[in-house]
Structures are given as structure tokens and as C-alpha cells.
C-alpha atoms as a PDB file:
ATOM      1  CA  MET A   1     106.150 100.152  69.382  1.00  0.00           C
ATOM      2  CA  THR A   2     109.147 102.265  68.855  1.00  0.00           C
ATOM      3  CA  ALA A   3     111.627 101.842  65.946  1.00  0.00           C
ATOM      4  CA  SER A   4     114.859 100.015  67.103  1.00  0.00           C
ATOM      5  CA  GLY A   5     116.288  98.543  64.022  1.00  0.00           C
ATOM      6  CA  ASN A   6     115.186  95.111  64.964  1.00  0.00           C
ATOM      7  CA  ILE A   7     114.957  92.666  61.605  1.00  0.00           C
ATOM      8  CA  ARG A   8     112.476  90.055  62.122  1.00  0.00           C
ATOM      9  CA  ALA A   9     112.026  87.217  59.637  1.00  0.00           C
ATOM     10  CA  GLY A  10     108.973  85.023  59.453  1.00  0.00           C
ATOM     11  CA  ILE A  11     106.198  83.127  57.480  1.00  0.00           C
ATOM     12  CA  GLY A  12     102.299  83.360  57.070  1.00  0.00           C
ATOM     13  CA  GLY A  13     100.579  81.331  59.507  1.00  0.00           C
ATOM     14  CA  TRP A  14     101.611  78.196  61.394  1.00  0.00           C
ATOM     15  CA  THR A  15      99.550  75.567  60.375  1.00  0.00           C
ATOM     16  CA  PHE A  16     100.231  74.003  56.956  1.00  0.00           C
ATOM     17  CA  LYS A  17     100.154  70.255  56.513  1.00  0.00           C
ATOM     18  CA  PRO A  18     103.403  69.880  54.429  1.00  0.00           C
ATOM     19  CA  TRP A  19     105.281  71.740  57.160  1.00  0.00           C
ATOM     20  CA  ASP A  20     104.284  68.496  59.517  1.00  0.00           C
ATOM     21  CA  GLU A  21     107.324  66.805  57.877  1.00  0.00           C
ATOM     22  CA  SER A  22     109.470  69.673  56.591  1.00  0.00           C
ATOM     23  CA  PHE A  23     109.608  72.150  59.660  1.00  0.00           C
ATOM     24  CA  TYR A  24     107.853  70.331  62.773  1.00  0.00           C
ATOM     25  CA  PRO A  25     109.258  67.783  64.883  1.00  0.00           C
ATOM     26  CA  ASP A  26     107.642  64.148  64.376  1.00  0.00           C
ATOM     27  CA  ASP A  27     106.611  64.016  67.905  1.00  0.00           C
ATOM     28  CA  LEU A  28     105.064  67.516  68.179  1.00  0.00           C
ATOM     29  CA  THR A  29     101.371  67.847  68.719  1.00  0.00           C
ATOM     30  CA  LYS A  30      99.282  70.210  66.618  1.00  0.00           C
ATOM     31  CA  LYS A  31      98.250  72.141  69.788  1.00  0.00           C
ATOM     32  CA  ARG A  32     101.862  72.996  70.189  1.00  0.00           C
ATOM     33  CA  GLN A  33     102.636  74.088  66.674  1.00  0.00           C
ATOM     34  CA  LEU A  34     102.576  77.942  67.479  1.00  0.00           C
ATOM     35  CA  GLU A  35     104.650  77.526  70.570  1.00  0.00           C
ATOM     36  CA  TYR A  36     107.291  75.935  68.401  1.00  0.00           C
ATOM     37  CA  ALA A  37     107.155  78.033  65.506  1.00  0.00           C
ATOM     38  CA  SER A  38     107.354  81.240  67.768  1.00  0.00           C
ATOM     39  CA  ARG A  39     110.680  80.135  69.062  1.00  0.00           C
ATOM     40  CA  GLN A  40     112.146  79.154  65.713  1.00  0.00           C
ATOM     41  CA  LEU A  41     110.826  82.576  64.097  1.00  0.00           C
ATOM     42  CA  LYS A  42     110.787  86.045  65.343  1.00  0.00           C
ATOM     43  CA  THR A  43     107.380  87.006  63.604  1.00  0.00           C
ATOM     44  CA  ILE A  44     104.590  85.458  61.679  1.00  0.00           C
ATOM     45  CA  GLU A  45     101.931  87.201  59.563  1.00  0.00           C
ATOM     46  CA  VAL A  46      98.081  85.827  60.236  1.00  0.00           C
ATOM     47  CA  ASN A  47      96.051  85.433  57.534  1.00  0.00           C
ATOM     48  CA  GLY A  48      92.846  84.230  59.092  1.00  0.00           C
ATOM     49  CA  THR A  49      91.890  87.464  60.283  1.00  0.00           C
ATOM     50  CA  TYR A  50      91.361  88.488  56.498  1.00  0.00           C
ATOM     51  CA  TYR A  51      88.373  85.757  56.264  1.00  0.00           C
ATOM     52  CA  GLY A  52      86.761  86.063  59.677  1.00  0.00           C
ATOM     53  CA  SER A  53      86.773  87.379  63.415  1.00  0.00           C
ATOM     54  CA  GLN A  54      88.603  85.671  66.209  1.00  0.00           C
ATOM     55  CA  LYS A  55      87.565  85.816  69.687  1.00  0.00           C
ATOM     56  CA  PRO A  56      89.554  87.560  72.428  1.00  0.00           C
ATOM     57  CA  ALA A  57      90.136  84.747  74.141  1.00  0.00           C
ATOM     58  CA  THR A  58      92.166  83.289  71.100  1.00  0.00           C
ATOM     59  CA  PHE A  59      94.451  86.341  70.916  1.00  0.00           C
ATOM     60  CA  ALA A  60      95.201  85.928  74.665  1.00  0.00           C
ATOM     61  CA  LYS A  61      95.921  82.162  74.008  1.00  0.00           C
ATOM     62  CA  TRP A  62      98.146  83.192  71.317  1.00  0.00           C
ATOM     63  CA  ARG A  63     100.050  85.800  73.568  1.00  0.00           C
ATOM     64  CA  GLU A  64     100.435  83.165  76.115  1.00  0.00           C
ATOM     65  CA  GLU A  65     102.056  80.438  73.690  1.00  0.00           C
ATOM     66  CA  THR A  66     104.634  82.751  72.372  1.00  0.00           C
ATOM     67  CA  PRO A  67     108.036  84.174  73.957  1.00  0.00           C
ATOM     68  CA  ASP A  68     108.829  87.878  74.883  1.00  0.00           C
ATOM     69  CA  GLY A  69     109.950  89.677  71.673  1.00  0.00           C
ATOM     70  CA  PHE A  70     107.741  87.694  69.081  1.00  0.00           C
ATOM     71  CA  ILE A  71     105.339  89.773  67.000  1.00  0.00           C
ATOM     72  CA  PHE A  72     102.397  88.942  65.293  1.00  0.00           C
ATOM     73  CA  SER A  73     101.285  90.667  62.081  1.00  0.00           C
ATOM     74  CA  MET A  74      97.619  90.795  61.357  1.00  0.00           C
ATOM     75  CA  LYS A  75      95.944  90.801  57.978  1.00  0.00           C
ATOM     76  CA  ALA A  76      92.952  93.022  58.266  1.00  0.00           C
ATOM     77  CA  SER A  77      89.559  91.916  57.239  1.00  0.00           C
ATOM     78  CA  ARG A  78      88.588  91.709  53.361  1.00  0.00           C
ATOM     79  CA  TYR A  79      85.544  93.456  54.462  1.00  0.00           C
ATOM     80  CA  CYS A  80      87.692  96.826  55.008  1.00  0.00           C
ATOM     81  CA  THR A  81      89.400  96.842  51.637  1.00  0.00           C
ATOM     82  CA  ASN A  82      87.497  94.989  49.159  1.00  0.00           C
ATOM     83  CA  ARG A  83      85.018  97.719  48.302  1.00  0.00           C
ATOM     84  CA  LYS A  84      84.269 100.139  45.813  1.00  0.00           C
ATOM     85  CA  VAL A  85      84.321 102.988  48.348  1.00  0.00           C
ATOM     86  CA  LEU A  86      86.996 102.760  50.581  1.00  0.00           C
ATOM     87  CA  ALA A  87      85.779 105.854  52.480  1.00  0.00           C
ATOM     88  CA  ASP A  88      82.967 104.021  53.529  1.00  0.00           C
ATOM     89  CA  ALA A  89      84.942 101.467  55.413  1.00  0.00           C
ATOM     90  CA  GLY A  90      84.446 103.071  58.954  1.00  0.00           C
ATOM     91  CA  GLU A  91      82.405 100.555  60.372  1.00  0.00           C
ATOM     92  CA  SER A  92      83.999  97.410  58.986  1.00  0.00           C
ATOM     93  CA  ILE A  93      87.567  98.928  60.535  1.00  0.00           C
ATOM     94  CA  GLU A  94      85.869  99.545  63.803  1.00  0.00           C
ATOM     95  CA  LYS A  95      84.439  95.859  63.905  1.00  0.00           C
ATOM     96  CA  PHE A  96      87.949  94.406  62.893  1.00  0.00           C
ATOM     97  CA  MET A  97      89.935  96.701  65.497  1.00  0.00           C
ATOM     98  CA  ALA A  98      87.424  95.660  68.358  1.00  0.00           C
ATOM     99  CA  GLN A  99      87.160  92.042  67.861  1.00  0.00           C
ATOM    100  CA  GLY A 100      90.162  91.591  70.757  1.00  0.00           C
ATOM    101  CA  LEU A 101      93.491  92.174  68.932  1.00  0.00           C
ATOM    102  CA  THR A 102      94.988  94.125  71.925  1.00  0.00           C
ATOM    103  CA  GLU A 103      94.813  90.796  73.966  1.00  0.00           C
ATOM    104  CA  LEU A 104      98.094  90.399  72.107  1.00  0.00           C
ATOM    105  CA  GLY A 105      99.596  93.167  74.293  1.00  0.00           C
ATOM    106  CA  ASP A 106     103.370  93.641  72.815  1.00  0.00           C
ATOM    107  CA  ARG A 107     103.095  90.526  70.649  1.00  0.00           C
ATOM    108  CA  LEU A 108     100.716  92.932  68.538  1.00  0.00           C
ATOM    109  CA  GLY A 109     102.648  94.167  65.417  1.00  0.00           C
ATOM    110  CA  PRO A 110     101.870  95.789  62.158  1.00  0.00           C
ATOM    111  CA  ILE A 111      98.219  95.598  60.738  1.00  0.00           C
ATOM    112  CA  LEU A 112      98.335  94.799  56.994  1.00  0.00           C
ATOM    113  CA  TRP A 113      95.772  96.276  54.688  1.00  0.00           C
ATOM    114  CA  GLN A 114      95.517  94.468  51.707  1.00  0.00           C
ATOM    115  CA  PHE A 115      93.776  95.472  48.559  1.00  0.00           C
ATOM    116  CA  MET A 116      92.649  93.554  45.265  1.00  0.00           C
ATOM    117  CA  GLY A 117      94.723  93.819  42.067  1.00  0.00           C
ATOM    118  CA  THR A 118      91.751  95.411  40.527  1.00  0.00           C
ATOM    119  CA  LYS A 119      91.738  98.262  42.797  1.00  0.00           C
ATOM    120  CA  SER A 120      93.076 101.343  41.218  1.00  0.00           C
ATOM    121  CA  PHE A 121      94.489 104.655  43.012  1.00  0.00           C
ATOM    122  CA  ASP A 122      91.584 107.105  43.646  1.00  0.00           C
ATOM    123  CA  PRO A 123      93.713 109.729  45.547  1.00  0.00           C
ATOM    124  CA  ASP A 124      90.702 111.454  47.525  1.00  0.00           C
ATOM    125  CA  ASP A 125      89.216 108.014  48.273  1.00  0.00           C
ATOM    126  CA  PHE A 126      92.320 106.378  49.403  1.00  0.00           C
ATOM    127  CA  GLU A 127      93.405 109.276  51.799  1.00  0.00           C
ATOM    128  CA  ALA A 128      89.858 109.099  53.149  1.00  0.00           C
ATOM    129  CA  PHE A 129      90.607 105.735  54.209  1.00  0.00           C
ATOM    130  CA  LEU A 130      94.080 106.406  55.733  1.00  0.00           C
ATOM    131  CA  LYS A 131      92.232 108.809  57.894  1.00  0.00           C
ATOM    132  CA  LEU A 132      89.988 105.978  59.139  1.00  0.00           C
ATOM    133  CA  LEU A 133      92.831 103.930  60.565  1.00  0.00           C
ATOM    134  CA  PRO A 134      93.159 104.271  64.358  1.00  0.00           C
ATOM    135  CA  GLN A 135      96.464 105.401  65.901  1.00  0.00           C
ATOM    136  CA  LYS A 136      95.635 103.409  69.103  1.00  0.00           C
ATOM    137  CA  GLN A 137      93.386 100.774  70.218  1.00  0.00           C
ATOM    138  CA  ASP A 138      92.717 100.285  73.953  1.00  0.00           C
ATOM    139  CA  GLY A 139      95.760 102.118  74.716  1.00  0.00           C
ATOM    140  CA  ILE A 140      97.940 100.308  72.423  1.00  0.00           C
ATOM    141  CA  SER A 141      99.844 102.138  69.617  1.00  0.00           C
ATOM    142  CA  LEU A 142      99.438 100.646  66.052  1.00  0.00           C
ATOM    143  CA  ARG A 143     101.326 100.321  63.010  1.00  0.00           C
ATOM    144  CA  HIS A 144      99.737 100.157  59.858  1.00  0.00           C
ATOM    145  CA  VAL A 145     100.780  98.850  56.148  1.00  0.00           C
ATOM    146  CA  VAL A 146      98.916  99.009  53.088  1.00  0.00           C
ATOM    147  CA  GLU A 147      99.498  96.666  49.936  1.00  0.00           C
ATOM    148  CA  PRO A 148      98.436  98.062  46.929  1.00  0.00           C
ATOM    149  CA  ARG A 149      98.275  95.622  43.799  1.00  0.00           C
ATOM    150  CA  HIS A 150      97.562  97.933  41.160  1.00  0.00           C
ATOM    151  CA  ASP A 151     100.188  99.633  39.078  1.00  0.00           C
ATOM    152  CA  SER A 152      98.371 103.014  39.310  1.00  0.00           C
ATOM    153  CA  PHE A 153      99.773 103.219  42.820  1.00  0.00           C
ATOM    154  CA  LEU A 154     103.197 103.633  41.490  1.00  0.00           C
ATOM    155  CA  THR A 155     103.208 107.460  41.766  1.00  0.00           C
ATOM    156  CA  PRO A 156     105.116 109.797  43.988  1.00  0.00           C
ATOM    157  CA  ASP A 157     101.554 111.300  45.177  1.00  0.00           C
ATOM    158  CA  PHE A 158     100.863 108.097  46.729  1.00  0.00           C
ATOM    159  CA  ILE A 159     104.402 107.708  48.309  1.00  0.00           C
ATOM    160  CA  LYS A 160     103.869 111.166  49.837  1.00  0.00           C
ATOM    161  CA  MET A 161     100.162 110.599  50.884  1.00  0.00           C
ATOM    162  CA  ILE A 162     100.980 107.421  53.165  1.00  0.00           C
ATOM    163  CA  ALA A 163     104.085 109.106  54.534  1.00  0.00           C
ATOM    164  CA  LYS A 164     102.106 111.864  55.528  1.00  0.00           C
ATOM    165  CA  HIS A 165     100.064 109.409  57.531  1.00  0.00           C
ATOM    166  CA  GLY A 166     102.855 107.612  59.028  1.00  0.00           C
ATOM    167  CA  VAL A 167     101.646 104.354  57.161  1.00  0.00           C
ATOM    168  CA  SER A 168     104.114 101.868  55.552  1.00  0.00           C
ATOM    169  CA  THR A 169     103.580 100.080  52.452  1.00  0.00           C
ATOM    170  CA  VAL A 170     104.633  96.561  51.492  1.00  0.00           C
ATOM    171  CA  ILE A 171     107.773  95.513  49.458  1.00  0.00           C
ATOM    172  CA  ALA A 172     106.366  92.988  47.373  1.00  0.00           C
ATOM    173  CA  ASP A 173     108.941  90.641  45.881  1.00  0.00           C
ATOM    174  CA  HIS A 174     106.365  89.352  43.526  1.00  0.00           C
ATOM    175  CA  ASP A 175     105.889  88.542  39.720  1.00  0.00           C
ATOM    176  CA  ASP A 176     102.848  90.610  39.000  1.00  0.00           C
ATOM    177  CA  TYR A 177     102.291  93.067  41.892  1.00  0.00           C
ATOM    178  CA  PRO A 178     103.940  96.428  42.063  1.00  0.00           C
ATOM    179  CA  MET A 179     106.909  96.691  44.625  1.00  0.00           C
ATOM    180  CA  PHE A 180     107.006  99.792  46.822  1.00  0.00           C
ATOM    181  CA  PRO A 181     110.732 100.105  48.405  1.00  0.00           C
ATOM    182  CA  ASP A 182     110.060 103.786  49.577  1.00  0.00           C
ATOM    183  CA  ILE A 183     110.208 104.311  53.470  1.00  0.00           C
ATOM    184  CA  THR A 184     107.143 106.033  54.567  1.00  0.00           C
ATOM    185  CA  ALA A 185     106.933 104.994  58.348  1.00  0.00           C
ATOM    186  CA  ASP A 186     109.154 104.121  61.166  1.00  0.00           C
ATOM    187  CA  PHE A 187     109.196 100.512  60.015  1.00  0.00           C
ATOM    188  CA  VAL A 188     109.633  98.325  56.672  1.00  0.00           C
ATOM    189  CA  TYR A 189     107.402  95.568  55.758  1.00  0.00           C
ATOM    190  CA  ALA A 190     108.431  92.903  52.858  1.00  0.00           C
ATOM    191  CA  ARG A 191     106.266  90.144  51.620  1.00  0.00           C
ATOM    192  CA  LEU A 192     108.756  87.764  49.766  1.00  0.00           C
ATOM    193  CA  GLN A 193     106.752  85.853  47.243  1.00  0.00           C
ATOM    194  CA  ARG A 194     109.094  84.118  44.468  1.00  0.00           C
ATOM    195  CA  GLY A 195     110.174  81.034  46.360  1.00  0.00           C
ATOM    196  CA  SER A 196     109.991  77.606  44.985  1.00  0.00           C
ATOM    197  CA  ASP A 197     109.212  74.359  46.880  1.00  0.00           C
ATOM    198  CA  GLU A 198     112.080  72.634  44.711  1.00  0.00           C
ATOM    199  CA  THR A 199     114.673  75.101  46.536  1.00  0.00           C
ATOM    200  CA  LYS A 200     115.197  73.832  50.187  1.00  0.00           C
ATOM    201  CA  THR A 201     115.733  77.485  51.424  1.00  0.00           C
ATOM    202  CA  CYS A 202     112.778  78.782  49.752  1.00  0.00           C
ATOM    203  CA  TYR A 203     114.745  81.374  47.905  1.00  0.00           C
ATOM    204  CA  PRO A 204     118.313  80.755  46.731  1.00  0.00           C
ATOM    205  CA  PRO A 205     120.953  81.383  49.568  1.00  0.00           C
ATOM    206  CA  LYS A 206     122.524  84.146  47.225  1.00  0.00           C
ATOM    207  CA  GLU A 207     119.303  85.831  46.912  1.00  0.00           C
ATOM    208  CA  ILE A 208     118.589  85.601  50.651  1.00  0.00           C
ATOM    209  CA  ASP A 209     121.950  87.185  51.247  1.00  0.00           C
ATOM    210  CA  MET A 210     120.911  89.796  49.027  1.00  0.00           C
ATOM    211  CA  TRP A 211     117.894  90.819  50.693  1.00  0.00           C
ATOM    212  CA  ALA A 212     119.667  90.452  54.055  1.00  0.00           C
ATOM    213  CA  GLU A 213     121.718  93.275  53.205  1.00  0.00           C
ATOM    214  CA  ARG A 214     119.072  95.098  51.918  1.00  0.00           C
ATOM    215  CA  PHE A 215     117.147  94.725  55.123  1.00  0.00           C
ATOM    216  CA  LYS A 216     120.184  95.693  56.916  1.00  0.00           C
ATOM    217  CA  THR A 217     120.456  98.827  55.319  1.00  0.00           C
ATOM    218  CA  TYR A 218     116.893  99.598  55.709  1.00  0.00           C
ATOM    219  CA  SER A 219     117.383  98.820  59.538  1.00  0.00           C
ATOM    220  CA  LYS A 220     119.957 101.272  60.082  1.00  0.00           C
ATOM    221  CA  GLY A 221     117.957 103.901  58.363  1.00  0.00           C
ATOM    222  CA  GLY A 222     119.284 103.927  54.888  1.00  0.00           C
ATOM    223  CA  VAL A 223     117.736 102.913  51.280  1.00  0.00           C
ATOM    224  CA  PRO A 224     119.205 100.161  49.231  1.00  0.00           C
ATOM    225  CA  ASP A 225     120.843 101.467  46.253  1.00  0.00           C
ATOM    226  CA  ASP A 226     119.540  98.374  44.138  1.00  0.00           C
ATOM    227  CA  LEU A 227     115.906  99.230  44.436  1.00  0.00           C
ATOM    228  CA  ASP A 228     114.227 101.661  42.339  1.00  0.00           C
ATOM    229  CA  LEU A 229     112.215 104.109  44.432  1.00  0.00           C
ATOM    230  CA  ILE A 230     108.735 105.738  43.314  1.00  0.00           C
ATOM    231  CA  ALA A 231     109.513 108.941  44.924  1.00  0.00           C
ATOM    232  CA  PRO A 232     113.333 109.390  44.678  1.00  0.00           C
ATOM    233  CA  ASP A 233     113.564 113.074  45.368  1.00  0.00           C
ATOM    234  CA  ARG A 234     111.731 112.841  48.901  1.00  0.00           C
ATOM    235  CA  GLU A 235     114.175 113.509  51.863  1.00  0.00           C
ATOM    236  CA  VAL A 236     113.729 110.878  54.511  1.00  0.00           C
ATOM    237  CA  ALA A 237     115.234 111.053  58.074  1.00  0.00           C
ATOM    238  CA  GLU A 238     117.952 108.583  58.511  1.00  0.00           C
ATOM    239  CA  LYS A 239     116.978 106.643  61.682  1.00  0.00           C
ATOM    240  CA  PRO A 240     116.717 102.804  62.857  1.00  0.00           C
ATOM    241  CA  ARG A 241     113.682 101.176  61.596  1.00  0.00           C
ATOM    242  CA  ASP A 242     112.229  97.902  62.630  1.00  0.00           C
ATOM    243  CA  ILE A 243     112.121  95.199  59.870  1.00  0.00           C
ATOM    244  CA  PHE A 244     109.363  92.577  59.019  1.00  0.00           C
ATOM    245  CA  ALA A 245     110.094  90.189  56.412  1.00  0.00           C
ATOM    246  CA  PHE A 246     107.905  87.298  55.798  1.00  0.00           C
ATOM    247  CA  PHE A 247     108.270  84.349  53.158  1.00  0.00           C
ATOM    248  CA  ILE A 248     104.694  84.128  51.699  1.00  0.00           C
ATOM    249  CA  SER A 249     103.159  82.045  49.030  1.00  0.00           C
ATOM    250  CA  GLY A 250     105.681  80.880  46.613  1.00  0.00           C
ATOM    251  CA  GLY A 251     107.845  78.118  47.971  1.00  0.00           C
ATOM    252  CA  LYS A 252     105.493  77.772  51.183  1.00  0.00           C
ATOM    253  CA  VAL A 253     106.749  74.190  51.919  1.00  0.00           C
ATOM    254  CA  ASN A 254     110.362  75.546  52.661  1.00  0.00           C
ATOM    255  CA  ALA A 255     109.239  79.015  54.053  1.00  0.00           C
ATOM    256  CA  PRO A 256     110.456  78.232  57.323  1.00  0.00           C
ATOM    257  CA  THR A 257     113.652  77.243  56.197  1.00  0.00           C
ATOM    258  CA  GLY A 258     114.099  80.441  54.210  1.00  0.00           C
ATOM    259  CA  ALA A 259     113.031  82.460  57.190  1.00  0.00           C
ATOM    260  CA  ARG A 260     115.591  80.843  59.713  1.00  0.00           C
ATOM    261  CA  ARG A 261     118.188  81.301  56.824  1.00  0.00           C
ATOM    262  CA  LEU A 262     117.409  85.113  56.399  1.00  0.00           C
ATOM    263  CA  GLN A 263     117.147  85.577  60.147  1.00  0.00           C
ATOM    264  CA  THR A 264     121.176  84.211  60.429  1.00  0.00           C
ATOM    265  CA  ALA A 265     122.149  86.099  57.524  1.00  0.00           C
ATOM    266  CA  VAL A 266     120.875  89.521  59.306  1.00  0.00           C
ATOM    267  CA  ASP A 267     121.986  88.465  62.834  1.00  0.00           C
ATOM    268  CA  GLY A 268     125.523  87.452  61.773  1.00  0.00           C
END
């Protein structure tokens, strides 16, 4: 994948009972929900791969059911990240990568490595983990994004480390988890988690417009001036970057509406 400045808004998964009424047409069968969702949205973050493996045929089926240009983000297995010593994750990472992800072909997007909120920053161990992340799998170039959830990662040393490895970090709009708005790779990955089921667009329209402007700035190679960088003194090349923005968790009932509203805002 090469950075082109595309902005993709999406959701987590495509199976959620309330969406049967709030998102999917009444006459749509569950077997066609991915087909429908992938034509309403430009990206989906798959959470199921965090809990267990899938078969190669499943990934191939997902590819066939989605249109050209659609991108899946894959959450990596918890067995890779929920461990005391990350440097020992090599075997688990290899197993995760070998389950058939590349059957997605050009639908395969960023791989999200999410860490528990109790996992603190150990520079040596974390860099050892980064060195285990493959650059390619079956000839397909890979993009990696990490999501630390402990405040000890809020240091320029962490930002410089992942930038050295070309890994992105999550811009988490969350009440408890830290946000990392620094550019460290050729793409930007955001998880918007402060939505509400009482808000028809998940996020209030004004907040969606605010995030839309931020993503437009990122996509052109800039950095929004209303987000506080962890390492503000770093020099970052100004070039187009792909953006992946997901409405996750909070306000899940209306997450698809929020994603479509955001996509309209960035495309307009």
C-alpha cells in the first residue's frame, strides 16, 4: 500500500443486532450484511481476529464480498500483545500472520496491535516487539499501528522509536486512554470512542466536522494545530497520508451513521 491521502471512515465489525434496525435494510439477509456495509463505508476494523483465528477461506470470502478500494483493518491476536515480555511474542506473531490474512489481497489494510491499559512502557522490550513485526507477508507489504493504553507511553522517546520503525500509533479519542496525534508513519489511524447512542450521528455534527478538518490536514501531510503532540520538536516530512478513522465502542448503535456523516464531510 502506498500513501495517497485517501480518507476512509468506518466502524468496528459489521454484525451488531441493533444495526439490523438502525443500519441495514429490513429485507437484507445476515449473509449479505458485509456486502451492504462495505458499499456504505470505506473501511471496517475486524475485532474477531483479536480473540481467535480465521480460516484462509473466510478471508477470501470477505475479499469477494467487498468492492474494489474497500479496506479491512485487522486487530492482532491478544496472545501477541497481552504478555509480560513482548520480546517473546515472535511465535504468536508468526501464527497470527500465517492464518491467511493475505487472502484479502488489496483489501488488507493496517494491522492493529492493541495493548492492555496496565501495560507500561519498557523501551527495550517494546522495541524488541517492534522488530518482530514483519514488513511483508506472502509478498504483500504490511502496515502496522500500535495502541498503548498506559500514560507511560506519553513520551517523545516512544514516538521517536515507532517512527524509526515506520509504525503508526492510534489517535484515541477516549475518556481514559491516552491520545497519540504525532505522525510516525505514512498513514494515520484514529479510533473515535466518545459517541453516544442518544446522538443520531454517534458524535455531534460539530464534532464530526472538527475531526473532518483534522483528517483533511493529516491527509495533506500537515498536523492539526489543535492537537497536542507528544514530540512537538520532531521534523516530519510533509507528504500525503492515508487516513483510517473508526467510530468504535461509544455510541455503537449509531456508529455507521457517524461514519457516513464523516465520510461526506471529508469528501465534500
